[in-house]
């Protein structure tokens, strides 16, 4: 049984709104943890890539790391993108 199936079964067994509220808080906390972990793994000058939402993969260089987002300068067009750190994939140089 997969982790997803176990979690799904546990959620279905919850019977009160309070239990669901507690679960939502845990999920939000973990999402924040993952976001901060992604930000900590990046630094200025890293080569990264991300999906632009239109099916294209954008490659660029990190120019600024903020708390939640990262500014990336596209290598081809020199345009600047503000991207959530969790959407970025580090490229091997």
Foldseek 3Di string as FASTA:
>chain_A
DDPVVVVVVVVVPDDDPVVVVVVVVVVVVVVLVVLQVLLVVDDFQFWKWFQPVPRDIFIFTFHDGDRFWTWTQTPPPRDIDTGGSVRIDTDDD
